[in-house]
PDB file of N, CA and C in Angstrom:
ATOM      1  N   MET A   1      31.736  -1.942 -24.373  1.00  0.00           N
ATOM      2  CA  MET A   1      31.216  -0.962 -24.824  1.00  0.00           C
ATOM      3  C   MET A   1      30.408  -0.046 -24.125  1.00  0.00           C
ATOM      4  N   SER A   2      30.274   1.075 -24.499  1.00  0.00           N
ATOM      5  CA  SER A   2      29.715   2.282 -23.360  1.00  0.00           C
ATOM      6  C   SER A   2      28.794   2.812 -23.724  1.00  0.00           C
ATOM      7  N   VAL A   3      27.881   3.379 -22.812  1.00  0.00           N
ATOM      8  CA  VAL A   3      26.604   3.652 -23.129  1.00  0.00           C
ATOM      9  C   VAL A   3      26.913   5.485 -23.150  1.00  0.00           C
ATOM     10  N   PRO A   4      26.612   6.741 -23.901  1.00  0.00           N
ATOM     11  CA  PRO A   4      27.214   7.546 -23.647  1.00  0.00           C
ATOM     12  C   PRO A   4      26.052   8.490 -22.597  1.00  0.00           C
ATOM     13  N   ALA A   5      26.381   9.602 -22.090  1.00  0.00           N
ATOM     14  CA  ALA A   5      25.188  10.069 -21.258  1.00  0.00           C
ATOM     15  C   ALA A   5      24.104  10.918 -22.341  1.00  0.00           C
ATOM     16  N   LEU A   6      23.025  10.813 -22.021  1.00  0.00           N
ATOM     17  CA  LEU A   6      22.265  11.540 -22.445  1.00  0.00           C
ATOM     18  C   LEU A   6      21.477  13.156 -21.926  1.00  0.00           C
ATOM     19  N   VAL A   7      20.971  13.056 -23.067  1.00  0.00           N
ATOM     20  CA  VAL A   7      19.964  14.356 -22.237  1.00  0.00           C
ATOM     21  C   VAL A   7      19.072  14.598 -22.350  1.00  0.00           C
ATOM     22  N   SER A   8      17.759  15.573 -22.133  1.00  0.00           N
ATOM     23  CA  SER A   8      16.689  15.799 -21.879  1.00  0.00           C
ATOM     24  C   SER A   8      15.371  16.160 -21.304  1.00  0.00           C
ATOM     25  N   ALA A   9      14.534  17.234 -21.378  1.00  0.00           N
ATOM     26  CA  ALA A   9      13.815  17.918 -20.795  1.00  0.00           C
ATOM     27  C   ALA A   9      13.013  18.392 -20.485  1.00  0.00           C
ATOM     28  N   THR A  10      12.502  18.592 -19.151  1.00  0.00           N
ATOM     29  CA  THR A  10      10.694  18.499 -18.819  1.00  0.00           C
ATOM     30  C   THR A  10       9.733  19.581 -19.898  1.00  0.00           C
ATOM     31  N   PRO A  11       8.869  19.718 -20.273  1.00  0.00           N
ATOM     32  CA  PRO A  11       7.682  20.314 -20.357  1.00  0.00           C
ATOM     33  C   PRO A  11       8.251  22.019 -20.212  1.00  0.00           C
ATOM     34  N   GLU A  12       8.564  21.971 -18.698  1.00  0.00           N
ATOM     35  CA  GLU A  12       8.662  23.153 -17.827  1.00  0.00           C
ATOM     36  C   GLU A  12      10.358  23.419 -18.260  1.00  0.00           C
ATOM     37  N   ALA A  13      10.497  22.937 -18.597  1.00  0.00           N
ATOM     38  CA  ALA A  13      12.104  23.554 -18.616  1.00  0.00           C
ATOM     39  C   ALA A  13      12.549  24.036 -20.521  1.00  0.00           C
ATOM     40  N   VAL A  14      11.759  23.536 -21.136  1.00  0.00           N
ATOM     41  CA  VAL A  14      11.593  23.803 -22.061  1.00  0.00           C
ATOM     42  C   VAL A  14      10.605  25.108 -22.522  1.00  0.00           C
ATOM     43  N   VAL A  15       9.599  25.287 -21.467  1.00  0.00           N
ATOM     44  CA  VAL A  15       8.813  26.623 -21.723  1.00  0.00           C
ATOM     45  C   VAL A  15       9.401  27.831 -21.149  1.00  0.00           C
ATOM     46  N   LEU A  16      10.631  27.637 -19.825  1.00  0.00           N
ATOM     47  CA  LEU A  16      11.596  28.404 -19.901  1.00  0.00           C
ATOM     48  C   LEU A  16      12.463  28.577 -20.789  1.00  0.00           C
ATOM     49  N   LEU A  17      13.234  28.201 -20.847  1.00  0.00           N
ATOM     50  CA  LEU A  17      14.485  27.936 -21.912  1.00  0.00           C
ATOM     51  C   LEU A  17      13.784  28.724 -23.683  1.00  0.00           C
ATOM     52  N   ARG A  18      12.355  28.788 -24.104  1.00  0.00           N
ATOM     53  CA  ARG A  18      11.861  29.651 -24.300  1.00  0.00           C
ATOM     54  C   ARG A  18      11.889  31.221 -24.824  1.00  0.00           C
ATOM     55  N   GLU A  19      11.349  31.068 -23.167  1.00  0.00           N
ATOM     56  CA  GLU A  19      11.079  33.136 -22.832  1.00  0.00           C
ATOM     57  C   GLU A  19      12.301  33.027 -22.409  1.00  0.00           C
ATOM     58  N   ILE A  20      13.704  32.546 -22.383  1.00  0.00           N
ATOM     59  CA  ILE A  20      14.664  32.925 -22.640  1.00  0.00           C
ATOM     60  C   ILE A  20      15.484  33.445 -23.748  1.00  0.00           C
ATOM     61  N   VAL A  21      14.992  32.196 -24.994  1.00  0.00           N
ATOM     62  CA  VAL A  21      15.898  32.197 -26.201  1.00  0.00           C
ATOM     63  C   VAL A  21      14.654  33.728 -26.850  1.00  0.00           C
ATOM     64  N   ALA A  22      12.984  34.123 -26.412  1.00  0.00           N
ATOM     65  CA  ALA A  22      12.676  35.230 -26.545  1.00  0.00           C
ATOM     66  C   ALA A  22      13.063  36.206 -26.244  1.00  0.00           C
ATOM     67  N   ASP A  23      13.598  36.239 -25.070  1.00  0.00           N
ATOM     68  CA  ASP A  23      14.646  37.805 -24.884  1.00  0.00           C
ATOM     69  C   ASP A  23      15.370  38.221 -24.615  1.00  0.00           C
ATOM     70  N   HIS A  24      16.794  36.454 -25.358  1.00  0.00           N
ATOM     71  CA  HIS A  24      18.081  37.088 -25.525  1.00  0.00           C
ATOM     72  C   HIS A  24      18.291  36.520 -26.691  1.00  0.00           C
ATOM     73  N   GLY A  25      17.717  35.649 -27.362  1.00  0.00           N
ATOM     74  CA  GLY A  25      18.479  34.995 -28.929  1.00  0.00           C
ATOM     75  C   GLY A  25      18.730  33.727 -28.544  1.00  0.00           C
ATOM     76  N   PRO A  26      19.534  33.111 -29.590  1.00  0.00           N
ATOM     77  CA  PRO A  26      19.849  31.678 -29.344  1.00  0.00           C
ATOM     78  C   PRO A  26      20.873  31.772 -28.041  1.00  0.00           C
ATOM     79  N   VAL A  27      20.627  30.546 -27.314  1.00  0.00           N
ATOM     80  CA  VAL A  27      21.337  30.322 -26.161  1.00  0.00           C
ATOM     81  C   VAL A  27      21.884  28.510 -25.977  1.00  0.00           C
ATOM     82  N   MET A  28      23.110  28.335 -25.378  1.00  0.00           N
ATOM     83  CA  MET A  28      23.011  27.113 -25.437  1.00  0.00           C
ATOM     84  C   MET A  28      23.053  26.814 -23.834  1.00  0.00           C
ATOM     85  N   PHE A  29      23.956  25.524 -22.978  1.00  0.00           N
ATOM     86  CA  PHE A  29      23.849  25.284 -21.850  1.00  0.00           C
ATOM     87  C   PHE A  29      25.374  24.621 -21.237  1.00  0.00           C
ATOM     88  N   HIS A  30      25.382  24.800 -20.205  1.00  0.00           N
ATOM     89  CA  HIS A  30      26.594  24.284 -20.049  1.00  0.00           C
ATOM     90  C   HIS A  30      26.628  23.146 -18.695  1.00  0.00           C
ATOM     91  N   GLN A  31      26.960  22.572 -18.566  1.00  0.00           N
ATOM     92  CA  GLN A  31      26.585  21.636 -16.908  1.00  0.00           C
ATOM     93  C   GLN A  31      27.987  22.081 -16.028  1.00  0.00           C
ATOM     94  N   SER A  32      27.601  23.052 -15.218  1.00  0.00           N
ATOM     95  CA  SER A  32      28.119  22.960 -14.722  1.00  0.00           C
ATOM     96  C   SER A  32      29.227  22.020 -13.317  1.00  0.00           C
ATOM     97  N   GLY A  33      30.473  22.365 -13.146  1.00  0.00           N
ATOM     98  CA  GLY A  33      31.001  21.459 -13.217  1.00  0.00           C
ATOM     99  C   GLY A  33      31.389  21.527 -11.085  1.00  0.00           C
ATOM    100  N   GLY A  34      30.656  22.604 -10.412  1.00  0.00           N
ATOM    101  CA  GLY A  34      30.502  22.550  -9.136  1.00  0.00           C
ATOM    102  C   GLY A  34      30.670  23.917  -8.510  1.00  0.00           C
ATOM    103  N   CYS A  35      31.537  24.683  -9.549  1.00  0.00           N
ATOM    104  CA  CYS A  35      32.445  25.676  -8.753  1.00  0.00           C
ATOM    105  C   CYS A  35      31.360  26.429  -7.865  1.00  0.00           C
ATOM    106  N   CYS A  36      30.895  28.301  -8.231  1.00  0.00           N
ATOM    107  CA  CYS A  36      30.379  29.010  -7.648  1.00  0.00           C
ATOM    108  C   CYS A  36      29.017  28.732  -7.473  1.00  0.00           C
ATOM    109  N   ASP A  37      28.521  28.195  -8.419  1.00  0.00           N
ATOM    110  CA  ASP A  37      27.301  27.322  -8.118  1.00  0.00           C
ATOM    111  C   ASP A  37      26.655  26.313  -8.371  1.00  0.00           C
ATOM    112  N   GLY A  38      27.395  25.615  -7.306  1.00  0.00           N
ATOM    113  CA  GLY A  38      27.108  24.291  -7.455  1.00  0.00           C
ATOM    114  C   GLY A  38      27.097  23.690  -8.660  1.00  0.00           C
ATOM    115  N   SER A  39      26.700  22.169  -8.724  1.00  0.00           N
ATOM    116  CA  SER A  39      26.685  21.576 -10.757  1.00  0.00           C
ATOM    117  C   SER A  39      24.946  22.121 -11.249  1.00  0.00           C
ATOM    118  N   SER A  40      24.733  22.967 -11.717  1.00  0.00           N
ATOM    119  CA  SER A  40      23.558  23.072 -11.930  1.00  0.00           C
ATOM    120  C   SER A  40      24.146  23.357 -13.718  1.00  0.00           C
ATOM    121  N   PRO A  41      22.891  23.255 -13.988  1.00  0.00           N
ATOM    122  CA  PRO A  41      22.739  23.763 -15.862  1.00  0.00           C
ATOM    123  C   PRO A  41      22.640  24.741 -16.304  1.00  0.00           C
ATOM    124  N   MET A  42      24.144  26.127 -16.507  1.00  0.00           N
ATOM    125  CA  MET A  42      24.376  27.045 -16.385  1.00  0.00           C
ATOM    126  C   MET A  42      23.411  27.166 -18.422  1.00  0.00           C
ATOM    127  N   CYS A  43      23.076  28.271 -18.479  1.00  0.00           N
ATOM    128  CA  CYS A  43      22.212  29.026 -19.512  1.00  0.00           C
ATOM    129  C   CYS A  43      22.728  30.354 -19.778  1.00  0.00           C
ATOM    130  N   TYR A  44      23.052  30.201 -21.186  1.00  0.00           N
ATOM    131  CA  TYR A  44      24.289  31.311 -21.910  1.00  0.00           C
ATOM    132  C   TYR A  44      23.718  32.027 -23.208  1.00  0.00           C
ATOM    133  N   PRO A  45      23.802  32.843 -23.921  1.00  0.00           N
ATOM    134  CA  PRO A  45      24.116  33.123 -24.938  1.00  0.00           C
ATOM    135  C   PRO A  45      25.124  33.079 -25.351  1.00  0.00           C
ATOM    136  N   VAL A  46      24.340  32.400 -26.955  1.00  0.00           N
ATOM    137  CA  VAL A  46      25.394  31.686 -27.997  1.00  0.00           C
ATOM    138  C   VAL A  46      26.536  32.288 -28.131  1.00  0.00           C
ATOM    139  N   GLY A  47      27.856  32.030 -28.210  1.00  0.00           N
ATOM    140  CA  GLY A  47      29.327  33.041 -28.204  1.00  0.00           C
ATOM    141  C   GLY A  47      29.569  33.468 -26.797  1.00  0.00           C
ATOM    142  N   GLU A  48      28.934  33.482 -26.097  1.00  0.00           N
ATOM    143  CA  GLU A  48      29.232  34.046 -24.859  1.00  0.00           C
ATOM    144  C   GLU A  48      29.946  33.316 -23.297  1.00  0.00           C
ATOM    145  N   PHE A  49      30.315  31.420 -24.122  1.00  0.00           N
ATOM    146  CA  PHE A  49      30.817  31.047 -23.178  1.00  0.00           C
ATOM    147  C   PHE A  49      31.867  30.442 -24.216  1.00  0.00           C
ATOM    148  N   TRP A  50      33.169  30.020 -23.573  1.00  0.00           N
ATOM    149  CA  TRP A  50      34.062  29.465 -24.326  1.00  0.00           C
ATOM    150  C   TRP A  50      33.910  28.349 -23.755  1.00  0.00           C
ATOM    151  N   LEU A  51      34.107  27.265 -25.098  1.00  0.00           N
ATOM    152  CA  LEU A  51      33.571  25.962 -24.813  1.00  0.00           C
ATOM    153  C   LEU A  51      35.204  25.121 -24.757  1.00  0.00           C
ATOM    154  N   GLY A  52      36.031  24.006 -22.816  1.00  0.00           N
ATOM    155  CA  GLY A  52      37.175  23.707 -23.502  1.00  0.00           C
ATOM    156  C   GLY A  52      37.070  22.595 -24.464  1.00  0.00           C
ATOM    157  N   ASP A  53      38.519  22.479 -24.672  1.00  0.00           N
ATOM    158  CA  ASP A  53      39.157  22.496 -26.159  1.00  0.00           C
ATOM    159  C   ASP A  53      38.242  20.279 -24.993  1.00  0.00           C
ATOM    160  N   HIS A  54      38.228  19.888 -23.745  1.00  0.00           N
ATOM    161  CA  HIS A  54      37.101  18.773 -23.668  1.00  0.00           C
ATOM    162  C   HIS A  54      36.094  18.488 -23.457  1.00  0.00           C
ATOM    163  N   ASP A  55      35.314  19.823 -22.915  1.00  0.00           N
ATOM    164  CA  ASP A  55      33.787  19.774 -23.158  1.00  0.00           C
ATOM    165  C   ASP A  55      33.238  18.999 -24.313  1.00  0.00           C
ATOM    166  N   VAL A  56      32.331  18.017 -23.937  1.00  0.00           N
ATOM    167  CA  VAL A  56      31.386  17.331 -25.099  1.00  0.00           C
ATOM    168  C   VAL A  56      29.871  17.711 -24.965  1.00  0.00           C
ATOM    169  N   LYS A  57      29.547  17.781 -26.324  1.00  0.00           N
ATOM    170  CA  LYS A  57      28.457  17.997 -26.835  1.00  0.00           C
ATOM    171  C   LYS A  57      27.345  16.749 -26.608  1.00  0.00           C
ATOM    172  N   LEU A  58      26.202  16.821 -25.753  1.00  0.00           N
ATOM    173  CA  LEU A  58      25.360  15.291 -24.950  1.00  0.00           C
ATOM    174  C   LEU A  58      24.467  15.973 -25.619  1.00  0.00           C
ATOM    175  N   GLY A  59      23.807  17.182 -26.198  1.00  0.00           N
ATOM    176  CA  GLY A  59      22.438  16.751 -27.910  1.00  0.00           C
ATOM    177  C   GLY A  59      22.308  18.051 -27.662  1.00  0.00           C
ATOM    178  N   GLU A  60      20.833  18.484 -27.534  1.00  0.00           N
ATOM    179  CA  GLU A  60      20.024  19.486 -27.456  1.00  0.00           C
ATOM    180  C   GLU A  60      19.051  18.979 -26.690  1.00  0.00           C
ATOM    181  N   ILE A  61      18.661  20.529 -26.228  1.00  0.00           N
ATOM    182  CA  ILE A  61      17.054  20.816 -25.555  1.00  0.00           C
ATOM    183  C   ILE A  61      16.102  21.556 -26.832  1.00  0.00           C
ATOM    184  N   ASP A  62      15.668  21.610 -27.867  1.00  0.00           N
ATOM    185  CA  ASP A  62      14.938  22.786 -27.761  1.00  0.00           C
ATOM    186  C   ASP A  62      16.020  23.738 -28.848  1.00  0.00           C
ATOM    187  N   GLY A  63      16.639  22.674 -29.615  1.00  0.00           N
ATOM    188  CA  GLY A  63      17.654  23.376 -30.756  1.00  0.00           C
ATOM    189  C   GLY A  63      18.715  24.029 -29.821  1.00  0.00           C
ATOM    190  N   ALA A  64      18.936  23.920 -27.706  1.00  0.00           N
ATOM    191  CA  ALA A  64      19.713  25.057 -27.686  1.00  0.00           C
ATOM    192  C   ALA A  64      21.210  23.556 -27.118  1.00  0.00           C
ATOM    193  N   PRO A  65      22.140  23.331 -27.909  1.00  0.00           N
ATOM    194  CA  PRO A  65      22.856  22.795 -27.662  1.00  0.00           C
ATOM    195  C   PRO A  65      23.674  22.557 -26.086  1.00  0.00           C
ATOM    196  N   PHE A  66      23.925  21.133 -25.566  1.00  0.00           N
ATOM    197  CA  PHE A  66      24.065  21.271 -24.527  1.00  0.00           C
ATOM    198  C   PHE A  66      24.809  20.250 -23.774  1.00  0.00           C
ATOM    199  N   TYR A  67      26.544  20.444 -23.026  1.00  0.00           N
ATOM    200  CA  TYR A  67      27.618  20.607 -23.341  1.00  0.00           C
ATOM    201  C   TYR A  67      27.814  20.112 -21.745  1.00  0.00           C
ATOM    202  N   ILE A  68      29.247  19.318 -21.864  1.00  0.00           N
ATOM    203  CA  ILE A  68      29.240  19.192 -20.356  1.00  0.00           C
ATOM    204  C   ILE A  68      31.268  18.679 -20.884  1.00  0.00           C
ATOM    205  N   SER A  69      31.767  18.837 -19.276  1.00  0.00           N
ATOM    206  CA  SER A  69      33.338  18.543 -19.496  1.00  0.00           C
ATOM    207  C   SER A  69      33.442  17.055 -19.605  1.00  0.00           C
ATOM    208  N   GLY A  70      34.539  16.851 -20.174  1.00  0.00           N
ATOM    209  CA  GLY A  70      34.588  15.357 -20.854  1.00  0.00           C
ATOM    210  C   GLY A  70      34.908  14.902 -19.657  1.00  0.00           C
ATOM    211  N   SER A  71      35.789  15.112 -18.674  1.00  0.00           N
ATOM    212  CA  SER A  71      35.241  14.465 -17.300  1.00  0.00           C
ATOM    213  C   SER A  71      34.080  14.688 -17.059  1.00  0.00           C
ATOM    214  N   GLN A  72      33.276  15.043 -16.312  1.00  0.00           N
ATOM    215  CA  GLN A  72      31.860  14.764 -16.061  1.00  0.00           C
ATOM    216  C   GLN A  72      31.125  13.736 -16.728  1.00  0.00           C
ATOM    217  N   ALA A  73      31.233  14.148 -18.195  1.00  0.00           N
ATOM    218  CA  ALA A  73      30.313  12.738 -19.340  1.00  0.00           C
ATOM    219  C   ALA A  73      30.973  11.648 -18.943  1.00  0.00           C
ATOM    220  N   ARG A  74      31.970  11.250 -18.232  1.00  0.00           N
ATOM    221  CA  ARG A  74      32.731   9.937 -17.750  1.00  0.00           C
ATOM    222  C   ARG A  74      32.357   9.717 -16.949  1.00  0.00           C
ATOM    223  N   ALA A  75      32.137  10.462 -16.148  1.00  0.00           N
ATOM    224  CA  ALA A  75      30.922  10.027 -14.890  1.00  0.00           C
ATOM    225  C   ALA A  75      29.937   9.946 -14.491  1.00  0.00           C
ATOM    226  N   TRP A  76      29.408  10.655 -15.778  1.00  0.00           N
ATOM    227  CA  TRP A  76      27.702  10.516 -15.904  1.00  0.00           C
ATOM    228  C   TRP A  76      27.616   9.444 -17.119  1.00  0.00           C
ATOM    229  N   GLU A  77      28.561   8.558 -17.469  1.00  0.00           N
ATOM    230  CA  GLU A  77      28.383   7.733 -18.589  1.00  0.00           C
ATOM    231  C   GLU A  77      26.885   6.456 -18.466  1.00  0.00           C
ATOM    232  N   GLY A  78      25.758   6.327 -19.130  1.00  0.00           N
ATOM    233  CA  GLY A  78      25.391   5.419 -18.917  1.00  0.00           C
ATOM    234  C   GLY A  78      24.084   6.452 -17.885  1.00  0.00           C
ATOM    235  N   THR A  79      23.961   7.676 -18.028  1.00  0.00           N
ATOM    236  CA  THR A  79      23.010   8.266 -17.390  1.00  0.00           C
ATOM    237  C   THR A  79      22.457   8.810 -17.788  1.00  0.00           C
ATOM    238  N   GLU A  80      20.596   9.180 -17.763  1.00  0.00           N
ATOM    239  CA  GLU A  80      20.331  10.583 -18.928  1.00  0.00           C
ATOM    240  C   GLU A  80      20.386  11.381 -17.811  1.00  0.00           C
ATOM    241  N   LEU A  81      20.582  12.939 -18.526  1.00  0.00           N
ATOM    242  CA  LEU A  81      20.872  13.664 -17.717  1.00  0.00           C
ATOM    243  C   LEU A  81      19.049  14.884 -17.917  1.00  0.00           C
ATOM    244  N   ILE A  82      17.860  15.257 -16.926  1.00  0.00           N
ATOM    245  CA  ILE A  82      16.850  15.479 -17.032  1.00  0.00           C
ATOM    246  C   ILE A  82      16.984  16.782 -17.049  1.00  0.00           C
ATOM    247  N   ILE A  83      16.234  17.708 -17.951  1.00  0.00           N
ATOM    248  CA  ILE A  83      17.023  19.304 -17.109  1.00  0.00           C
ATOM    249  C   ILE A  83      15.166  19.026 -17.034  1.00  0.00           C
ATOM    250  N   ASP A  84      15.279  20.511 -15.896  1.00  0.00           N
ATOM    251  CA  ASP A  84      14.115  20.149 -14.674  1.00  0.00           C
ATOM    252  C   ASP A  84      14.297  21.756 -14.518  1.00  0.00           C
ATOM    253  N   VAL A  85      13.087  22.497 -14.125  1.00  0.00           N
ATOM    254  CA  VAL A  85      12.480  23.691 -13.507  1.00  0.00           C
ATOM    255  C   VAL A  85      12.223  23.512 -11.799  1.00  0.00           C
ATOM    256  N   VAL A  86      12.956  25.027 -11.206  1.00  0.00           N
ATOM    257  CA  VAL A  86      12.473  24.164  -9.563  1.00  0.00           C
ATOM    258  C   VAL A  86      12.291  25.838  -9.843  1.00  0.00           C
ATOM    259  N   ALA A  87      11.421  26.492  -8.052  1.00  0.00           N
ATOM    260  CA  ALA A  87      11.033  27.237  -7.367  1.00  0.00           C
ATOM    261  C   ALA A  87      13.282  27.712  -7.533  1.00  0.00           C
ATOM    262  N   GLY A  88      13.216  29.336  -7.211  1.00  0.00           N
ATOM    263  CA  GLY A  88      14.634  29.831  -6.702  1.00  0.00           C
ATOM    264  C   GLY A  88      15.169  30.591  -7.569  1.00  0.00           C
ATOM    265  N   ARG A  89      16.724  30.712  -7.347  1.00  0.00           N
ATOM    266  CA  ARG A  89      17.323  32.136  -8.807  1.00  0.00           C
ATOM    267  C   ARG A  89      18.078  30.905  -9.061  1.00  0.00           C
ATOM    268  N   GLY A  90      18.388  31.223 -10.404  1.00  0.00           N
ATOM    269  CA  GLY A  90      19.294  30.109 -11.541  1.00  0.00           C
ATOM    270  C   GLY A  90      20.777  31.177 -10.895  1.00  0.00           C
ATOM    271  N   GLY A  91      21.441  30.502 -11.155  1.00  0.00           N
ATOM    272  CA  GLY A  91      23.392  30.493 -11.229  1.00  0.00           C
ATOM    273  C   GLY A  91      23.718  32.261 -11.707  1.00  0.00           C
ATOM    274  N   MET A  92      24.831  32.825 -10.392  1.00  0.00           N
ATOM    275  CA  MET A  92      24.466  34.091 -11.244  1.00  0.00           C
ATOM    276  C   MET A  92      24.964  34.703 -12.599  1.00  0.00           C
ATOM    277  N   PHE A  93      25.466  34.116 -13.234  1.00  0.00           N
ATOM    278  CA  PHE A  93      25.831  33.979 -14.712  1.00  0.00           C
ATOM    279  C   PHE A  93      24.705  33.721 -15.671  1.00  0.00           C
ATOM    280  N   SER A  94      23.864  32.558 -14.868  1.00  0.00           N
ATOM    281  CA  SER A  94      23.088  31.608 -15.712  1.00  0.00           C
ATOM    282  C   SER A  94      22.003  32.523 -16.854  1.00  0.00           C
ATOM    283  N   LEU A  95      21.630  32.629 -17.868  1.00  0.00           N
ATOM    284  CA  LEU A  95      20.270  33.408 -18.279  1.00  0.00           C
ATOM    285  C   LEU A  95      18.656  33.237 -17.438  1.00  0.00           C
ATOM    286  N   ASP A  96      18.673  32.352 -16.722  1.00  0.00           N
ATOM    287  CA  ASP A  96      17.665  31.666 -15.471  1.00  0.00           C
ATOM    288  C   ASP A  96      17.622  32.562 -14.558  1.00  0.00           C
ATOM    289  N   ASN A  97      18.598  33.344 -13.615  1.00  0.00           N
ATOM    290  CA  ASN A  97      18.756  33.965 -13.179  1.00  0.00           C
ATOM    291  C   ASN A  97      17.770  35.299 -13.162  1.00  0.00           C
ATOM    292  N   GLY A  98      17.054  35.450 -12.141  1.00  0.00           N
ATOM    293  CA  GLY A  98      15.901  36.500 -11.891  1.00  0.00           C
ATOM    294  C   GLY A  98      15.093  36.454 -12.350  1.00  0.00           C
ATOM    295  N   ARG A  99      14.320  35.180 -12.741  1.00  0.00           N
ATOM    296  CA  ARG A  99      13.157  34.855 -12.909  1.00  0.00           C
ATOM    297  C   ARG A  99      11.974  34.148 -12.017  1.00  0.00           C
ATOM    298  N   GLU A 100      12.653  33.575 -10.457  1.00  0.00           N
ATOM    299  CA  GLU A 100      12.750  33.407  -9.559  1.00  0.00           C
ATOM    300  C   GLU A 100      12.283  31.740 -10.246  1.00  0.00           C
ATOM    301  N   LYS A 101      12.723  30.783 -10.490  1.00  0.00           N
ATOM    302  CA  LYS A 101      12.708  29.663 -11.572  1.00  0.00           C
ATOM    303  C   LYS A 101      13.454  29.630 -12.338  1.00  0.00           C
ATOM    304  N   ARG A 102      14.391  28.484 -12.045  1.00  0.00           N
ATOM    305  CA  ARG A 102      15.650  28.147 -12.085  1.00  0.00           C
ATOM    306  C   ARG A 102      16.335  26.800 -12.429  1.00  0.00           C
ATOM    307  N   PHE A 103      16.624  26.100 -13.635  1.00  0.00           N
ATOM    308  CA  PHE A 103      16.759  25.051 -14.157  1.00  0.00           C
ATOM    309  C   PHE A 103      17.481  24.219 -13.266  1.00  0.00           C
ATOM    310  N   LEU A 104      17.474  22.659 -13.396  1.00  0.00           N
ATOM    311  CA  LEU A 104      17.617  21.632 -12.056  1.00  0.00           C
ATOM    312  C   LEU A 104      18.147  20.973 -13.184  1.00  0.00           C
ATOM    313  N   THR A 105      19.310  19.896 -12.173  1.00  0.00           N
ATOM    314  CA  THR A 105      19.931  18.790 -13.312  1.00  0.00           C
ATOM    315  C   THR A 105      19.420  17.462 -12.661  1.00  0.00           C
ATOM    316  N   ARG A 106      18.352  16.598 -12.789  1.00  0.00           N
ATOM    317  CA  ARG A 106      17.815  15.582 -12.138  1.00  0.00           C
ATOM    318  C   ARG A 106      18.740  14.562 -13.176  1.00  0.00           C
ATOM    319  N   SER A 107      18.927  12.840 -13.025  1.00  0.00           N
ATOM    320  CA  SER A 107      19.321  12.032 -13.521  1.00  0.00           C
ATOM    321  C   SER A 107      18.512  10.786 -13.620  1.00  0.00           C
ATOM    322  N   ARG A 108      19.381   9.521 -14.235  1.00  0.00           N
ATOM    323  CA  ARG A 108      17.852   8.626 -14.167  1.00  0.00           C
ATOM    324  C   ARG A 108      19.138   7.935 -14.799  1.00  0.00           C
ATOM    325  N   LEU A 109      19.374   6.540 -14.461  1.00  0.00           N
ATOM    326  CA  LEU A 109      20.467   5.489 -14.965  1.00  0.00           C
ATOM    327  C   LEU A 109      19.584   5.131 -15.927  1.00  0.00           C
ATOM    328  N   CYS A 110      20.285   5.047 -16.938  1.00  0.00           N
ATOM    329  CA  CYS A 110      20.115   3.942 -18.648  1.00  0.00           C
ATOM    330  C   CYS A 110      20.446   2.750 -17.809  1.00  0.00           C
ATOM    331  N   ALA A 111      19.380   1.713 -19.227  1.00  0.00           N
ATOM    332  CA  ALA A 111      20.058   0.452 -19.076  1.00  0.00           C
ATOM    333  C   ALA A 111      21.679   0.129 -20.016  1.00  0.00           C
ATOM    334  N   LEU A 112      22.085  -0.529 -18.866  1.00  0.00           N
ATOM    335  CA  LEU A 112      23.820  -0.530 -19.924  1.00  0.00           C
ATOM    336  C   LEU A 112      23.458  -1.836 -20.346  1.00  0.00           C
ATOM    337  N   PRO A 113      23.994  -1.769 -21.457  1.00  0.00           N
ATOM    338  CA  PRO A 113      24.011  -3.310 -22.145  1.00  0.00           C
ATOM    339  C   PRO A 113      25.190  -4.352 -21.188  1.00  0.00           C
ATOM    340  N   PRO A 114      24.858  -5.835 -21.982  1.00  0.00           N
ATOM    341  CA  PRO A 114      25.528  -6.666 -20.786  1.00  0.00           C
ATOM    342  C   PRO A 114      26.706  -6.488 -21.291  1.00  0.00           C
ATOM    343  N   ALA A 115      27.258  -7.463 -20.046  1.00  0.00           N
ATOM    344  CA  ALA A 115      29.280  -7.288 -20.432  1.00  0.00           C
ATOM    345  C   ALA A 115      29.306  -8.675 -21.329  1.00  0.00           C
ATOM    346  N   ASP A 116      30.478  -8.230 -22.042  1.00  0.00           N
ATOM    347  CA  ASP A 116      30.906  -9.246 -23.093  1.00  0.00           C
ATOM    348  C   ASP A 116      31.406 -10.551 -22.269  1.00  0.00           C
TER     349      ASP A 116
END
């Protein structure tokens, strides 16, 4: 039996998300795989990021769907991804860019069920 990755957010992340939604309308997240902007949670207007066939929806943050690649979901299995906010610039294509604060993924290992 496997334990899927989970996603949650700090109150500060929800505040930033609501600011972005007020400016841009509905948004979605995709956990970057480490290309141009490292492995940041990227925030896009709904419909402006093409999901791949292997992307997995981990859950939602304040109504915004949160996706990750299938290979990353397997690597993070049993881990809670906690979306937080820190000072700095967001990813070049992410809607948190230019706000002098950005989303950051933290993690916490979840309890795994005992082996059979």
